[in-house]
């Protein structure tokens, strides 16, 4: 069955097609939710809630762009909406200055995707949300501001601090630098 057939079946509320869609994308969408929500059970709950929204609104998919991109946008919205209910903290954290220090590119290239996600998960919530939305999902600072209820300038500041903190975490972990 093609993706188009599955989508058409889901629009018609066909449970077999809904199951196929879920099985195809559940792992990816759970990983996406885990990047935003540290608690494993909370990420699973939001994944379920995301699929409910997908099945409720799949008829609105216009076949413009990728279906997976459309799904990701729904799941990002569900995760950020859920987190904003408990007020995402956008606090400043003192970070060891690493502006003059560069991470050895060979160290970064040796990091697995899981290791990178573990470093990202160690960021404070506000930094993590902005980093994920901008770097991973490709949202602009204006879009992030609208989504999270913050100024675009706050998003830019949080991203800069998130990058510095990530660099510091990686440097501490590997204790490898090029000056």
Protein backbone atom coordinates (compact mmCIF):
# COMPACT_ATOMS: atom_id res chain seq x y z
CA UNK A 1 0.00 0.00 0.00
CA UNK A 2 1.41 3.40 -0.94
CA UNK A 3 1.55 6.33 1.44
CA UNK A 4 -1.21 8.00 -0.59
CA UNK A 5 -3.39 4.88 -0.20
CA UNK A 6 -2.77 4.88 3.54
CA UNK A 7 -3.63 8.59 3.83
CA UNK A 8 -6.80 8.08 1.78
CA UNK A 9 -7.75 5.15 4.02
CA UNK A 10 -7.13 7.23 7.14
CA UNK A 11 -9.38 9.98 5.78
CA UNK A 12 -12.08 7.31 5.43
CA UNK A 13 -11.39 6.25 9.07
CA UNK A 14 -10.10 2.83 7.94
CA UNK A 15 -8.56 1.27 11.08
CA UNK A 16 -6.12 -0.88 9.09
CA UNK A 17 -4.73 2.23 7.39
CA UNK A 18 -4.59 4.09 10.70
CA UNK A 19 -2.60 1.20 12.19
CA UNK A 20 -0.22 1.18 9.19
CA UNK A 21 0.33 4.93 9.49
CA UNK A 22 0.92 4.63 13.23
CA UNK A 23 3.39 1.76 12.80
CA UNK A 24 5.27 3.60 10.08
CA UNK A 25 5.73 6.86 11.99
CA UNK A 26 5.34 6.10 15.72
CA UNK A 27 9.07 5.61 16.34
CA UNK A 28 10.08 8.83 14.59
CA UNK A 29 7.35 10.87 16.26
CA UNK A 30 8.19 9.43 19.70
CA UNK A 31 11.83 10.44 19.16
CA UNK A 32 10.68 13.92 18.18
CA UNK A 33 8.54 14.20 21.35
CA UNK A 34 11.43 12.94 23.50
CA UNK A 35 13.58 15.82 22.27
CA UNK A 36 11.09 18.24 23.80
CA UNK A 37 9.90 16.33 26.86
CA UNK A 38 12.44 14.71 29.16
CA UNK A 39 9.94 12.40 30.84
CA UNK A 40 9.58 9.18 28.83
CA UNK A 41 5.94 8.58 29.80
CA UNK A 42 5.03 12.17 29.02
CA UNK A 43 6.63 11.81 25.57
CA UNK A 44 4.63 8.61 24.95
CA UNK A 45 1.40 10.35 26.01
CA UNK A 46 2.11 13.28 23.70
CA UNK A 47 2.88 10.86 20.86
CA UNK A 48 -0.55 9.30 21.34
CA UNK A 49 -2.18 12.72 21.51
CA UNK A 50 -0.33 13.71 18.33
CA UNK A 51 -1.68 10.72 16.42
CA UNK A 52 -5.21 11.51 17.61
CA UNK A 53 -4.78 15.02 16.14
CA UNK A 54 -3.33 13.57 12.94
CA UNK A 55 -6.33 11.27 12.48
CA UNK A 56 -8.73 14.12 13.31
CA UNK A 57 -7.14 16.49 10.77
CA UNK A 58 -5.64 14.21 8.11
CA UNK A 59 -8.34 15.36 5.69
CA UNK A 60 -6.64 18.79 5.74
CA UNK A 61 -3.35 17.43 4.35
CA UNK A 62 -3.03 19.09 0.94
CA UNK A 63 -0.31 16.85 -0.53
CA UNK A 64 1.94 19.92 -0.80
CA UNK A 65 5.34 18.97 0.54
CA UNK A 66 6.10 15.79 2.40
CA UNK A 67 3.57 14.03 4.56
CA UNK A 68 6.23 13.42 7.20
CA UNK A 69 6.92 17.16 7.34
CA UNK A 70 3.21 17.78 7.90
CA UNK A 71 3.21 15.16 10.69
CA UNK A 72 6.29 16.66 12.34
CA UNK A 73 4.64 20.08 12.45
CA UNK A 74 1.59 18.62 14.22
CA UNK A 75 3.73 16.77 16.75
CA UNK A 76 5.92 19.82 17.43
CA UNK A 77 2.77 21.89 18.00
CA UNK A 78 1.27 19.28 20.34
CA UNK A 79 4.53 18.97 22.32
CA UNK A 80 5.08 22.72 22.63
CA UNK A 81 1.45 23.36 23.52
CA UNK A 82 1.67 20.69 26.22
CA UNK A 83 4.90 22.11 27.64
CA UNK A 84 3.64 25.70 27.56
CA UNK A 85 0.74 24.70 29.82
CA UNK A 86 3.31 24.27 32.57
CA UNK A 87 5.25 27.40 31.55
CA UNK A 88 8.54 26.77 29.81
CA UNK A 89 11.32 28.41 31.79
CA UNK A 90 13.46 30.84 29.82
CA UNK A 91 15.98 31.59 32.54
CA UNK A 92 19.55 32.67 32.07
CA UNK A 93 22.24 30.27 33.15
CA UNK A 94 25.87 31.18 33.59
CA UNK A 95 27.82 29.26 31.01
CA UNK A 96 31.54 28.79 30.95
CA UNK A 97 32.69 30.99 28.10
CA UNK A 98 33.70 28.89 25.14
CA UNK A 99 33.66 31.58 22.47
CA UNK A 100 37.41 31.35 21.87
CA UNK A 101 37.50 27.57 21.97
CA UNK A 102 36.50 25.35 19.10
CA UNK A 103 35.47 21.73 19.36
CA UNK A 104 37.67 19.45 17.30
CA UNK A 105 35.56 18.55 14.25
CA UNK A 106 36.76 14.95 14.43
CA UNK A 107 35.25 14.65 17.93
CA UNK A 108 31.87 15.93 16.77
CA UNK A 109 31.88 13.69 13.72
CA UNK A 110 32.38 10.67 15.99
CA UNK A 111 29.24 11.46 18.01
CA UNK A 112 26.29 9.23 17.26
CA UNK A 113 22.82 10.65 16.80
CA UNK A 114 21.87 9.23 20.21
CA UNK A 115 24.85 10.93 21.87
CA UNK A 116 23.93 14.24 20.28
CA UNK A 117 20.34 13.85 21.50
CA UNK A 118 21.62 13.05 25.00
CA UNK A 119 23.63 16.28 25.03
CA UNK A 120 20.60 18.23 23.79
CA UNK A 121 18.41 16.62 26.47
CA UNK A 122 20.74 18.03 29.14
CA UNK A 123 19.92 21.58 28.11
CA UNK A 124 17.48 23.55 30.28
CA UNK A 125 13.94 23.38 28.92
CA UNK A 126 13.85 26.81 27.27
CA UNK A 127 17.21 26.31 25.57
CA UNK A 128 16.21 22.81 24.46
CA UNK A 129 12.91 23.93 22.94
CA UNK A 130 14.44 26.82 21.01
CA UNK A 131 17.42 24.72 19.86
CA UNK A 132 15.18 21.88 18.65
CA UNK A 133 12.72 24.18 16.93
CA UNK A 134 15.40 26.21 15.15
CA UNK A 135 18.23 23.77 14.45
CA UNK A 136 16.38 20.47 14.10
CA UNK A 137 12.97 21.56 12.80
CA UNK A 138 14.04 24.68 10.88
CA UNK A 139 11.62 27.17 12.45
CA UNK A 140 12.50 30.87 12.22
CA UNK A 141 12.88 32.91 15.41
CA UNK A 142 9.63 34.68 14.57
CA UNK A 143 7.81 31.33 14.29
CA UNK A 144 9.39 30.14 17.54
CA UNK A 145 8.31 33.34 19.25
CA UNK A 146 4.73 32.85 18.12
CA UNK A 147 4.71 29.18 19.06
CA UNK A 148 6.22 29.69 22.52
CA UNK A 149 4.77 33.11 23.31
CA UNK A 150 8.16 34.86 23.48
CA UNK A 151 9.89 37.62 21.53
CA UNK A 152 11.99 36.64 18.51
CA UNK A 153 14.96 38.30 20.24
CA UNK A 154 14.48 36.00 23.24
CA UNK A 155 14.53 33.04 20.88
CA UNK A 156 17.81 34.24 19.33
CA UNK A 157 19.37 34.74 22.77
CA UNK A 158 18.22 31.34 23.99
CA UNK A 159 19.65 29.69 20.85
CA UNK A 160 23.03 31.38 21.31
CA UNK A 161 23.15 30.27 24.93
CA UNK A 162 22.00 26.77 24.02
CA UNK A 163 24.81 26.45 21.48
CA UNK A 164 27.38 27.67 24.00
CA UNK A 165 26.09 25.28 26.62
CA UNK A 166 26.13 22.35 24.17
CA UNK A 167 29.68 23.19 23.22
CA UNK A 168 30.63 23.34 26.89
CA UNK A 169 28.94 19.98 27.61
CA UNK A 170 30.73 18.33 24.70
CA UNK A 171 34.07 19.85 25.68
CA UNK A 172 33.68 18.66 29.27
CA UNK A 173 32.63 15.23 28.12
CA UNK A 174 35.50 14.67 25.71
CA UNK A 175 38.00 17.11 27.20
CA UNK A 176 39.24 17.71 23.64
CA UNK A 177 39.75 21.21 22.28
CA UNK A 178 41.57 23.10 19.60
CA UNK A 179 42.54 26.62 20.58
